[in-house]
Amino acid sequence: MADQNLLDVVIIGYGPVGQSLSILLGERGYDVAVFDRWPALYPLPRAVFHDHEIRRVFHAMGIGEDVESISQPSATYQWFNADWKTLVEIDWSAESISDGPVGYLFNQPSLEALLDRKAKSLPNVSVNQGWEAVELRQLPDCCEVVLKQGRMTDGTWLTTGETRTVRARYVVGADGANSFVRRSLGVTFEDLGFQEDWLVIDLKPNEGVKLDVPDIGQWCNPARPTTMVPGGPGYRRWEFMRLPHETLEDLQKPEKVWELLSPWVGPDRATLVRYAVYTFRSLIAETWRKSRVLLAGDAAHQMPPFMGQGMCSGLRDTWNLAWRLDLVLKGIASADLLDGYTPERRPQVRAVIDASIAMGKVVCISDPQEAAQRDEAYLSGQVPALPPFPGLTDGLIRADQNSAIGGIGGQLCVHGQVRNDGEVMRYDDAMPNGFHVIALDADPDLYLDEQARKVLALIGAQTIGITHDESRVAAGRVLFDVSGKYEAFFNEHGAKALIVRPDYYVFGAVGSLTELSGLVGMLAAGLALKAGHGAGQDCLASAQA
């Protein structure tokens, strides 16, 4: 069966990454179809952490308050040696640049249920579960995806024999580590060298049970490196590294699971939710785009879990892709805009993987002598502090302000509470998502020339002032900076105005408002803007012939 209509985007994979991209594109009005091999959502926990940046993305999808109801703010992330002496502390409970704590813990099935409900509520998003992609073809003006239907029978996926073909202007592979889309493109993974087997256990303590365990921590004990974290409200997770003498089969016996948990909890005090052995890897695809097909999430990268950034990185992919596809599908920008996706996302993810590997090497030491040397280095202060979270270092940022050289371009922009016309709210709730021109203590509209205004109107940009000076407030035009965070951010970077992208990263800044129109011109040059709106009609006509 061949579907005759030409979709805007087909997404292969319906985990959190595919779900989120379908929402972000669906809410922008695009015709999206998402397909997943499995007939139902995966019911067991996997990811447990999202950070402050991803919290903003959830709010942008309209599910922020729902996600907060199934999450809990993180405590300080602590790393202990075998004697429970603190080696490292990362304060994930501290105030972040995005307003609120750095991190949050959640239960993935609960999150996926929220994302699923939101995606299926959008009339232009078609969710198709139980359909496996088996063939992908790129034509001059669109893509064709051949799918076959299947169902679960006695725990095995079996095809029903029904097939269908769908056509779309773009295809995104969000189909996980064994991605069919990536393999179809012939894209290879670069192996960054980390590989360890860990037993992951999720359980639910019985009502009223309080466990004597660090809230969120790594026990860097060479006898058994161990991770202990919340699994979202009401859940706990342990992860145990496989030791050199153990087999995978050894770790997956129920009696072994309870033996490992016995210092903290027994079967009389908690119920096992699931346990499984995972191989933590460090892999990154060589490219994330080939013409009309793009990769996102685990299809493009995999990393050790020690920074909690696996799912977060996948959601950053979708957040980056959504605004690019928006401008391309509207015909405002040429497809060249998509060329910036890999150069932006890959270096940032590579830096996160490298940091995760470095942290993993601290944890995954099973030799007592090596562990003693590590402990001495950390306890004596010989180890430098962790570097700040990486920004963007390529792509659509002002080149001479690149975050790689300490500039503001590519840094995540500040977010906080503002007051507008007497009402205090999140800045993101006060202003619709998109490109933002923000000026300190002034209305930026007063400093834009006609050409800059045309560019900003074309891309749907917002212009707004923000101030911590009550005398400069103007309802709807210059908002009051409730916490003073914006004023501090601008002053730190010597900025009087800046342009923020739809994914909350700073394009660039100016030190004088008279330079603002020039900054808009730089943005326009980087956006590959074009006249008119493409429609893909040639592909549709040939498909119907």
Protein backbone atom coordinates (compact mmCIF):
# COMPACT_ATOMS: atom_id res chain seq x y z
CA MET A 1 0.00 0.00 0.00
CA ALA A 2 1.44 3.39 -1.01
CA ASP A 3 0.25 6.52 0.79
CA GLN A 4 -0.44 9.20 -1.79
CA ASN A 5 0.01 12.30 0.35
CA LEU A 6 3.42 13.89 0.75
CA LEU A 7 4.27 14.36 4.42
CA ASP A 8 6.56 17.06 5.69
CA VAL A 9 8.58 14.77 7.97
CA VAL A 10 8.65 11.05 8.72
CA ILE A 11 10.28 10.08 12.01
CA ILE A 12 11.50 6.53 12.55
CA GLY A 13 11.57 5.70 16.26
CA TYR A 14 9.11 6.63 19.00
CA GLY A 15 11.20 6.84 22.15
CA PRO A 16 11.57 10.21 23.91
CA VAL A 17 13.58 11.64 20.99
CA GLY A 18 11.08 10.66 18.29
CA GLN A 19 8.16 11.64 20.49
CA SER A 20 9.65 15.07 21.22
CA LEU A 21 10.48 15.85 17.60
CA SER A 22 6.98 14.86 16.52
CA ILE A 23 5.57 17.31 19.11
CA LEU A 24 7.94 20.15 18.23
CA LEU A 25 7.16 19.85 14.52
CA GLY A 26 3.48 19.06 15.01
CA GLU A 27 2.95 22.16 17.11
CA ARG A 28 4.49 24.20 14.30
CA GLY A 29 1.77 22.90 12.01
CA TYR A 30 3.67 20.32 9.95
CA ASP A 31 2.28 17.01 8.74
CA VAL A 32 4.33 14.44 10.62
CA ALA A 33 4.15 10.66 10.74
CA VAL A 34 6.17 8.71 13.27
CA PHE A 35 6.72 4.96 13.07
CA ASP A 36 8.06 2.52 15.63
CA ARG A 37 8.67 -1.21 15.40
CA TRP A 38 7.16 -1.94 18.79
CA PRO A 39 3.35 -2.01 19.13
CA ALA A 40 3.43 -0.35 22.57
CA LEU A 41 5.64 1.99 24.57
CA TYR A 42 8.55 0.33 26.35
CA PRO A 43 7.23 -0.14 29.91
CA LEU A 44 10.49 -0.25 31.89
CA PRO A 45 12.81 2.52 33.17
CA ARG A 46 15.96 3.57 31.30
CA ALA A 47 16.95 7.25 31.53
CA VAL A 48 16.45 8.87 34.96
CA PHE A 49 17.97 12.37 34.61
CA HIS A 50 17.22 15.57 32.74
CA ASP A 51 18.87 18.92 33.22
CA HIS A 52 17.73 22.54 33.40
CA GLU A 53 18.08 23.11 29.66
CA ILE A 54 15.83 20.15 28.86
CA ARG A 55 13.34 21.39 31.46
CA ARG A 56 12.93 24.50 29.27
CA VAL A 57 12.34 22.27 26.25
CA PHE A 58 9.60 20.39 28.09
CA HIS A 59 7.94 23.70 28.96
CA ALA A 60 8.21 24.75 25.31
CA MET A 61 6.34 21.56 24.37
CA GLY A 62 3.56 22.48 26.76
CA ILE A 63 4.21 19.63 29.21
CA GLY A 64 6.52 21.38 31.67
CA GLU A 65 4.19 21.28 34.65
CA ASP A 66 3.26 17.66 33.93
CA VAL A 67 6.93 16.66 33.78
CA GLU A 68 7.60 18.46 37.06
CA SER A 69 4.87 16.35 38.68
CA ILE A 70 6.77 13.13 37.83
CA SER A 71 10.24 14.54 38.63
CA GLN A 72 12.21 15.56 41.68
CA PRO A 73 15.02 18.11 41.93
CA SER A 74 18.45 16.52 42.20
CA ALA A 75 20.56 16.61 45.31
CA THR A 76 24.35 17.07 45.19
CA TYR A 77 25.96 14.34 43.08
CA GLN A 78 28.63 12.74 45.28
CA TRP A 79 31.49 10.37 44.46
CA PHE A 80 32.92 8.29 47.31
CA ASN A 81 35.90 5.98 47.62
CA ALA A 82 35.67 2.52 49.18
CA ASP A 83 35.84 4.08 52.67
CA TRP A 84 33.05 6.56 51.86
CA LYS A 85 35.40 9.54 51.75
CA THR A 86 34.16 12.17 49.29
CA LEU A 87 36.23 12.38 46.12
CA VAL A 88 33.99 14.62 44.00
CA GLU A 89 30.88 16.72 44.57
CA ILE A 90 28.83 18.19 41.73
CA ASP A 91 26.06 20.41 43.03
CA TRP A 92 23.14 19.52 40.77
CA SER A 93 20.83 21.15 43.34
CA ALA A 94 22.37 24.59 42.73
CA GLU A 95 20.60 27.38 40.88
CA SER A 96 21.18 26.99 37.13
CA ILE A 97 21.41 29.56 34.35
CA SER A 98 17.95 28.42 33.24
CA ASP A 99 16.08 29.22 36.49
CA GLY A 100 15.78 26.34 38.95
CA PRO A 101 18.13 23.50 39.92
CA VAL A 102 20.74 22.10 37.56
CA GLY A 103 19.14 18.65 37.39
CA TYR A 104 16.03 16.55 37.94
CA LEU A 105 15.35 12.84 38.39
CA PHE A 106 12.36 11.15 36.77
CA ASN A 107 10.80 7.83 35.76
CA GLN A 108 11.08 7.27 32.01
CA PRO A 109 7.85 5.30 31.45
CA SER A 110 5.95 8.14 33.13
CA LEU A 111 7.72 10.67 30.89
CA GLU A 112 7.03 8.66 27.74
CA ALA A 113 3.36 8.42 28.68
CA LEU A 114 3.20 12.24 28.87
CA LEU A 115 5.00 12.66 25.55
CA ASP A 116 2.80 10.02 23.93
CA ARG A 117 -0.39 11.72 25.08
CA LYS A 118 0.84 15.08 23.82
CA ALA A 119 1.93 13.74 20.41
CA LYS A 120 -1.33 11.91 19.86
CA SER A 121 -3.33 15.02 20.76
CA LEU A 122 -1.94 16.88 17.74
CA PRO A 123 -4.21 16.41 14.71
CA ASN A 124 -1.39 16.69 12.17
CA VAL A 125 0.81 14.07 13.91
CA SER A 126 0.19 10.43 12.99
CA VAL A 127 1.63 7.92 15.46
CA ASN A 128 2.06 4.43 13.99
CA GLN A 129 3.22 1.78 16.44
CA GLY A 130 3.96 -1.74 15.27
CA TRP A 131 5.50 -0.67 11.94
CA GLU A 132 9.14 -1.50 11.13
CA ALA A 133 11.06 0.50 8.52
CA VAL A 134 12.66 -1.94 6.05
CA GLU A 135 13.64 0.24 3.10
CA LEU A 136 14.61 3.89 2.65
CA ARG A 137 15.00 5.62 -0.69
CA GLN A 138 16.08 9.20 -1.36
CA LEU A 139 14.55 10.77 -4.47
CA PRO A 140 15.41 14.24 -5.83
CA ASP A 141 12.53 15.97 -4.05
CA CYS A 142 11.49 13.62 -1.26
CA CYS A 143 12.13 10.31 0.49
CA GLU A 144 10.22 7.03 0.40
CA VAL A 145 10.10 4.71 3.39
CA VAL A 146 8.80 1.15 3.09
CA LEU A 147 7.41 -0.31 6.30
CA LYS A 148 6.02 -3.64 7.35
CA GLN A 149 3.55 -4.23 10.15
CA GLY A 150 4.16 -6.57 13.04
CA ARG A 151 2.73 -7.62 16.36
CA MET A 152 4.06 -9.25 19.50
CA THR A 153 3.25 -12.95 19.82
CA ASP A 154 4.57 -14.82 22.87
CA GLY A 155 7.21 -12.16 23.34
CA THR A 156 8.40 -12.25 19.72
CA TRP A 157 7.85 -9.60 17.05
CA LEU A 158 6.19 -11.24 14.03
CA THR A 159 5.19 -9.56 10.78
CA THR A 160 1.54 -9.56 9.76
CA GLY A 161 2.50 -9.46 6.08
CA GLU A 162 1.06 -5.97 5.55
CA THR A 163 3.37 -3.31 4.08
CA ARG A 164 3.02 0.37 3.27
CA THR A 165 5.10 3.07 1.63
CA VAL A 166 5.15 6.66 2.84
CA ARG A 167 6.71 9.75 1.29
CA ALA A 168 8.06 12.80 3.04
CA ARG A 169 10.20 15.81 2.34
CA TYR A 170 12.53 14.79 5.18
CA VAL A 171 13.16 11.66 7.25
CA VAL A 172 14.66 11.64 10.74
CA GLY A 173 16.12 8.47 12.20
CA ALA A 174 15.50 8.48 15.96
CA ASP A 175 15.52 4.69 16.05
CA GLY A 176 18.16 3.98 18.65
CA ALA A 177 21.57 2.41 18.85
CA ASN A 178 20.87 -0.22 16.19
CA SER A 179 19.33 2.37 13.88
CA PHE A 180 17.95 1.07 10.60
CA VAL A 181 18.13 4.61 9.22
CA ARG A 182 21.82 5.00 10.04
CA ARG A 183 22.65 1.63 8.49
CA SER A 184 20.62 2.52 5.39
CA LEU A 185 22.70 5.66 4.95
CA GLY A 186 25.94 3.74 5.32
CA VAL A 187 26.99 6.03 8.17
CA THR A 188 29.60 4.54 10.48
CA PHE A 189 30.19 5.05 14.18
CA GLU A 190 33.47 6.36 15.54
CA ASP A 191 34.33 4.29 18.63
CA LEU A 192 35.83 6.51 21.33
CA GLY A 193 37.09 3.54 23.31
CA PHE A 194 34.90 3.14 26.40
CA GLN A 195 33.11 -0.18 26.96
CA GLU A 196 31.99 -1.64 30.27
CA ASP A 197 29.16 -4.00 31.29
CA TRP A 198 26.93 -2.87 34.13
CA LEU A 199 23.95 -4.49 35.82
CA VAL A 200 21.15 -1.90 36.10
CA ILE A 201 18.48 -2.53 38.76
CA ASP A 202 15.32 -0.49 39.30
CA LEU A 203 13.13 -1.08 42.32
CA LYS A 204 10.27 0.48 44.24
CA PRO A 205 10.67 0.61 48.03
CA ASN A 206 7.63 -0.50 49.98
CA GLU A 207 5.34 2.13 51.45
CA GLY A 208 7.04 3.82 54.41
CA VAL A 209 10.47 2.29 53.77
CA LYS A 210 13.37 4.74 54.04
CA LEU A 211 16.69 3.48 52.73
CA ASP A 212 20.05 4.40 54.26
CA VAL A 213 21.74 5.26 50.98
CA PRO A 214 23.31 8.39 49.42
CA ASP A 215 20.65 10.28 47.53
CA ILE A 216 22.64 10.36 44.29
CA GLY A 217 26.17 9.05 44.16
CA GLN A 218 28.94 6.85 42.86
CA TRP A 219 30.63 4.40 45.20
CA CYS A 220 34.07 4.13 43.58
CA ASN A 221 34.86 0.90 45.39
CA PRO A 222 37.28 -1.30 43.40
CA ALA A 223 35.63 -4.36 44.95
CA ARG A 224 32.42 -3.36 43.16
CA PRO A 225 31.98 0.06 41.50
CA THR A 226 28.37 1.05 42.20
CA THR A 227 25.93 3.78 41.19
CA MET A 228 23.01 4.79 43.44
CA VAL A 229 20.42 7.28 42.20
CA PRO A 230 16.71 8.02 42.50
CA GLY A 231 14.66 6.62 39.65
CA GLY A 232 12.11 9.40 39.94
CA PRO A 233 9.63 9.92 42.78
CA GLY A 234 9.08 6.63 44.62
CA TYR A 235 11.79 4.66 42.78
CA ARG A 236 15.47 3.84 43.33
CA ARG A 237 18.17 2.63 40.96
CA TRP A 238 21.41 0.75 41.54
CA GLU A 239 24.03 0.01 38.90
CA PHE A 240 26.83 -2.52 39.51
CA MET A 241 29.87 -2.93 37.27
CA ARG A 242 30.65 -6.43 36.04
CA LEU A 243 33.99 -7.52 37.46
CA PRO A 244 36.60 -9.18 35.22
CA HIS A 245 35.95 -12.69 36.55
CA GLU A 246 32.15 -12.51 36.16
CA THR A 247 30.02 -13.55 33.21
CA LEU A 248 26.92 -11.74 31.98
CA GLU A 249 24.89 -14.76 33.03
CA ASP A 250 26.22 -14.50 36.59
CA LEU A 251 24.86 -10.98 36.96
CA GLN A 252 21.38 -11.73 35.66
CA LYS A 253 20.35 -14.32 38.24
CA PRO A 254 17.72 -13.07 40.74
CA GLU A 255 19.70 -14.35 43.68
CA LYS A 256 22.74 -12.37 42.48
CA VAL A 257 20.63 -9.24 42.14
CA TRP A 258 19.45 -9.44 45.73
CA GLU A 259 22.95 -10.35 46.93
CA LEU A 260 24.32 -7.14 45.42
CA LEU A 261 21.46 -5.10 46.88
CA SER A 262 21.70 -6.72 50.33
CA PRO A 263 23.83 -3.97 52.00
CA TRP A 264 20.97 -1.54 51.41
CA VAL A 265 17.68 -3.35 50.83
CA GLY A 266 16.12 -6.81 50.77
CA PRO A 267 13.09 -8.37 49.06
CA ASP A 268 11.00 -7.79 52.18
CA ARG A 269 11.41 -4.02 51.83
CA ALA A 270 11.12 -3.38 48.09
CA THR A 271 9.81 -4.75 44.79
CA LEU A 272 12.04 -5.25 41.77
CA VAL A 273 10.84 -3.29 38.75
CA ARG A 274 13.43 -4.67 36.36
CA TYR A 275 17.09 -5.62 36.07
CA ALA A 276 19.25 -5.99 32.97
CA VAL A 277 22.89 -5.82 31.90
CA TYR A 278 23.83 -2.92 29.67
CA THR A 279 27.07 -2.34 27.82
CA PHE A 280 28.03 1.30 28.28
CA ARG A 281 29.63 2.49 25.03
CA SER A 282 31.10 5.68 23.60
CA LEU A 283 30.12 5.98 19.93
CA ILE A 284 29.43 8.92 17.63
CA ALA A 285 28.26 8.91 14.01
CA GLU A 286 30.62 10.41 11.45
CA THR A 287 27.82 12.56 10.00
CA TRP A 288 24.25 13.16 11.11
CA ARG A 289 22.84 14.21 7.75
CA LYS A 290 22.80 12.85 4.24
CA SER A 291 20.65 15.01 1.96
CA ARG A 292 17.03 14.65 3.16
CA VAL A 293 17.74 12.17 5.96
CA LEU A 294 18.98 13.11 9.42
CA LEU A 295 19.91 11.24 12.60
CA ALA A 296 19.07 12.09 16.21
CA GLY A 297 19.51 10.56 19.65
CA ASP A 298 21.13 7.15 20.09
CA ALA A 299 21.06 6.69 16.32
CA ALA A 300 23.74 9.41 16.21
CA HIS A 301 25.59 8.97 19.52
CA GLN A 302 25.93 6.80 22.60
CA MET A 303 27.73 7.65 25.82
CA PRO A 304 28.46 6.32 29.29
CA PRO A 305 25.77 7.41 31.78
CA PHE A 306 27.98 9.09 34.36
CA MET A 307 26.92 12.64 33.41
CA GLY A 308 23.27 11.71 32.89
CA GLN A 309 23.39 13.24 29.41
CA GLY A 310 22.29 10.42 27.06
CA MET A 311 18.63 11.36 26.71
CA CYS A 312 19.39 15.06 27.24
CA SER A 313 21.73 15.03 24.24
CA GLY A 314 19.07 13.37 22.09
CA LEU A 315 16.52 16.01 23.06
CA ARG A 316 19.03 18.75 22.23
CA ASP A 317 19.25 17.15 18.77
CA THR A 318 15.51 17.48 18.27
CA TRP A 319 15.48 21.04 19.62
CA ASN A 320 18.21 22.00 17.14
CA LEU A 321 16.50 20.22 14.25
CA ALA A 322 13.02 21.60 14.89
CA TRP A 323 13.77 25.26 14.21
CA ARG A 324 16.00 24.44 11.23
CA LEU A 325 13.34 22.26 9.62
CA ASP A 326 10.75 24.93 10.39
CA LEU A 327 12.58 27.57 8.35
CA VAL A 328 13.40 25.12 5.54
CA LEU A 329 9.88 23.67 5.28
CA LYS A 330 8.40 27.18 5.18
CA GLY A 331 10.74 28.01 2.30
CA ILE A 332 12.27 30.87 4.26
CA ALA A 333 15.71 29.23 4.32
CA SER A 334 17.31 26.88 1.82
CA ALA A 335 18.16 23.29 2.72
CA ASP A 336 21.72 24.53 3.24
CA LEU A 337 20.57 25.55 6.72
CA LEU A 338 20.54 21.85 7.62
CA ASP A 339 24.26 21.69 6.84
CA GLY A 340 24.84 23.33 10.22
CA TYR A 341 23.21 20.50 12.18
CA THR A 342 26.19 18.12 12.33
CA PRO A 343 28.85 20.84 12.86
CA GLU A 344 26.85 22.22 15.80
CA ARG A 345 25.66 19.08 17.48
CA ARG A 346 28.56 16.70 16.92
CA PRO A 347 31.31 18.72 18.69
CA GLN A 348 29.08 19.46 21.66
CA VAL A 349 28.06 15.81 22.00
CA ARG A 350 31.68 14.71 21.49
CA ALA A 351 32.75 16.97 24.38
CA VAL A 352 29.99 15.51 26.57
CA ILE A 353 31.03 11.96 25.66
CA ASP A 354 34.68 12.77 26.43
CA ALA A 355 33.68 14.16 29.83
CA SER A 356 31.49 11.11 30.49
CA ILE A 357 34.39 8.82 29.61
CA ALA A 358 36.72 10.73 31.93
CA MET A 359 34.20 10.40 34.75
CA GLY A 360 33.68 6.73 33.91
CA LYS A 361 37.41 6.09 34.20
CA VAL A 362 37.29 7.44 37.74
CA VAL A 363 34.46 5.09 38.67
CA CYS A 364 35.33 1.92 36.72
CA ILE A 365 38.53 0.96 38.55
CA SER A 366 38.58 -2.58 39.91
CA ASP A 367 42.31 -2.73 40.75
CA PRO A 368 42.89 -1.78 44.45
CA GLN A 369 46.32 -0.23 43.84
CA GLU A 370 45.07 1.90 40.97
CA ALA A 371 42.08 2.93 43.07
CA ALA A 372 44.38 3.97 45.94
CA GLN A 373 46.37 6.18 43.55
CA ARG A 374 43.15 7.74 42.30
CA ASP A 375 41.96 8.39 45.84
CA GLU A 376 45.22 10.09 46.77
CA ALA A 377 45.04 12.36 43.73
CA TYR A 378 41.48 13.48 44.50
CA LEU A 379 41.80 13.73 48.27
CA SER A 380 44.99 15.82 47.99
CA GLY A 381 43.41 18.22 45.52
CA GLN A 382 45.65 17.29 42.59
CA VAL A 383 42.73 16.81 40.19
CA PRO A 384 41.37 19.97 38.52
CA ALA A 385 37.67 20.81 38.67
CA LEU A 386 35.40 19.58 35.92
CA PRO A 387 35.19 21.94 32.93
CA PRO A 388 31.94 23.87 32.37
CA PHE A 389 29.27 22.26 30.24
CA PRO A 390 30.22 22.78 26.57
CA GLY A 391 28.41 25.24 24.35
CA LEU A 392 28.29 25.37 20.56
CA THR A 393 31.58 25.98 18.77
CA ASP A 394 30.52 25.92 15.11
CA GLY A 395 27.51 26.63 12.93
CA LEU A 396 25.13 29.54 13.35
CA ILE A 397 27.05 31.66 15.84
CA ARG A 398 28.95 34.90 15.44
CA ALA A 399 32.43 33.63 14.54
CA ASP A 400 34.48 36.21 16.41
CA GLN A 401 32.46 35.57 19.60
CA ASN A 402 32.78 31.78 19.51
CA SER A 403 32.34 30.13 22.91
CA ALA A 404 35.43 28.02 22.13
CA ILE A 405 37.52 31.16 22.65
CA GLY A 406 35.53 32.42 25.62
CA GLY A 407 32.95 34.43 23.69
CA ILE A 408 29.20 34.59 24.15
CA GLY A 409 28.34 33.05 20.76
CA GLY A 410 27.18 29.47 21.27
CA GLN A 411 26.62 29.84 25.01
CA LEU A 412 23.28 28.91 26.52
CA CYS A 413 21.38 32.10 27.27
CA VAL A 414 20.19 33.02 30.73
CA HIS A 415 16.54 32.42 31.63
CA GLY A 416 14.60 33.69 34.61
CA GLN A 417 11.53 35.35 36.03
CA VAL A 418 10.33 38.62 34.52
CA ARG A 419 7.50 41.01 35.30
CA ASN A 420 5.31 42.26 32.50
CA ASP A 421 2.44 44.65 33.11
CA GLY A 422 2.38 43.72 36.80
CA GLU A 423 2.48 39.94 36.35
CA VAL A 424 5.54 37.83 37.27
CA MET A 425 6.21 34.86 34.98
CA ARG A 426 8.90 32.81 33.28
CA TYR A 427 10.50 34.71 30.40
CA ASP A 428 9.63 31.80 28.06
CA ASP A 429 5.99 32.18 29.03
CA ALA A 430 6.08 35.92 28.39
CA MET A 431 7.54 35.61 24.89
CA PRO A 432 6.71 33.04 22.17
CA ASN A 433 9.50 30.72 21.09
CA GLY A 434 11.68 31.77 18.16
CA PHE A 435 14.56 34.09 17.45
CA HIS A 436 14.77 36.84 20.07
CA VAL A 437 16.54 40.17 19.92
CA ILE A 438 16.99 41.23 23.55
CA ALA A 439 18.36 44.62 24.61
CA LEU A 440 19.43 45.67 28.07
CA ASP A 441 17.62 48.73 29.47
CA ALA A 442 16.15 49.63 26.06
CA ASP A 443 13.59 48.73 23.40
CA PRO A 444 15.67 47.21 20.55
CA ASP A 445 13.08 48.27 17.94
CA LEU A 446 14.31 51.84 18.32
CA TYR A 447 17.77 50.87 17.04
CA LEU A 448 16.91 48.67 14.03
CA ASP A 449 17.08 49.88 10.45
CA GLU A 450 14.53 48.95 7.79
CA GLN A 451 16.52 46.02 6.38
CA ALA A 452 17.01 44.50 9.84
CA ARG A 453 13.30 44.84 10.54
CA LYS A 454 12.49 42.99 7.30
CA VAL A 455 14.82 40.13 8.16
CA LEU A 456 13.39 39.77 11.66
CA ALA A 457 9.82 39.88 10.32
CA LEU A 458 10.66 37.18 7.75
CA ILE A 459 11.95 34.76 10.39
CA GLY A 460 9.25 35.68 12.93
CA ALA A 461 11.70 37.07 15.47
CA GLN A 462 10.66 38.79 18.69
CA THR A 463 12.23 42.05 19.87
CA ILE A 464 12.15 42.87 23.55
CA GLY A 465 13.98 44.87 26.19
CA ILE A 466 14.79 43.75 29.70
CA THR A 467 15.84 45.84 32.67
CA HIS A 468 16.45 45.77 36.40
CA ASP A 469 15.67 49.51 36.52
CA GLU A 470 12.01 50.18 37.32
CA SER A 471 12.11 53.54 35.55
CA ARG A 472 12.87 51.89 32.20
CA VAL A 473 9.99 49.37 32.23
CA ALA A 474 7.50 49.64 29.35
CA ALA A 475 4.59 47.17 29.28
CA GLY A 476 5.01 44.63 26.51
CA ARG A 477 8.28 46.19 25.32
CA VAL A 478 10.77 46.39 28.20
CA LEU A 479 10.23 43.74 30.88
CA PHE A 480 11.45 43.91 34.46
CA ASP A 481 14.25 41.48 35.35
CA VAL A 482 12.93 40.13 38.64
CA SER A 483 16.08 38.34 39.82
CA GLY A 484 18.66 40.55 38.13
CA LYS A 485 20.03 37.49 36.29
CA TYR A 486 19.69 39.09 32.86
CA GLU A 487 21.48 42.27 33.89
CA ALA A 488 24.31 40.17 35.36
CA PHE A 489 24.57 38.03 32.21
CA PHE A 490 24.69 41.05 29.89
CA ASN A 491 27.23 42.84 32.05
CA GLU A 492 29.42 39.74 32.35
CA HIS A 493 29.78 39.70 28.57
CA GLY A 494 29.88 43.46 28.00
CA ALA A 495 26.67 43.22 25.95
CA LYS A 496 23.99 45.82 25.34
CA ALA A 497 21.95 43.57 23.05
CA LEU A 498 22.08 39.99 21.86
CA ILE A 499 20.30 37.63 19.49
CA VAL A 500 19.09 34.33 20.94
CA ARG A 501 18.20 31.40 18.72
CA PRO A 502 14.99 29.35 19.11
CA ASP A 503 17.00 26.67 20.94
CA TYR A 504 18.08 29.24 23.56
CA TYR A 505 21.70 29.48 22.41
CA VAL A 506 23.18 32.93 21.84
CA PHE A 507 23.97 33.77 18.20
CA GLY A 508 26.00 36.83 19.14
CA ALA A 509 26.00 40.15 20.96
CA VAL A 510 26.89 43.82 20.51
CA GLY A 511 28.44 46.25 22.96
CA SER A 512 26.53 49.22 21.51
CA LEU A 513 22.93 49.38 20.34
CA THR A 514 24.09 51.24 17.22
CA GLU A 515 25.67 47.94 16.09
CA LEU A 516 22.44 45.94 16.42
CA SER A 517 21.33 46.13 12.77
CA GLY A 518 24.74 44.86 11.74
CA LEU A 519 24.32 41.86 14.05
CA VAL A 520 20.98 41.08 12.42
CA GLY A 521 22.74 41.20 9.06
CA MET A 522 25.26 38.61 10.26
CA LEU A 523 22.39 36.38 11.37
CA ALA A 524 20.68 36.72 7.99
CA ALA A 525 23.87 35.71 6.19
CA GLY A 526 24.16 32.57 8.31
CA LEU A 527 20.54 31.51 7.87
CA ALA A 528 20.76 30.83 4.10
CA LEU A 529 17.59 32.87 3.58
CA LYS A 530 15.85 32.69 0.23
CA ALA A 531 12.86 34.27 -1.47
CA GLY A 532 9.60 32.33 -1.90
CA HIS A 533 8.34 29.10 -0.35
CA GLY A 534 9.23 25.63 -1.64
CA ALA A 535 6.49 22.99 -1.62
CA GLY A 536 7.85 19.71 -2.92
CA GLN A 537 5.07 19.50 -5.49
CA ASP A 538 7.22 17.78 -8.12
CA CYS A 539 7.75 14.79 -5.87
CA LEU A 540 4.06 14.52 -5.02
CA ALA A 541 3.07 14.72 -8.68
CA SER A 542 5.46 11.93 -9.65
CA ALA A 543 4.29 9.76 -6.73
CA GLN A 544 0.67 10.03 -7.87
CA ALA A 545 1.46 9.35 -11.53
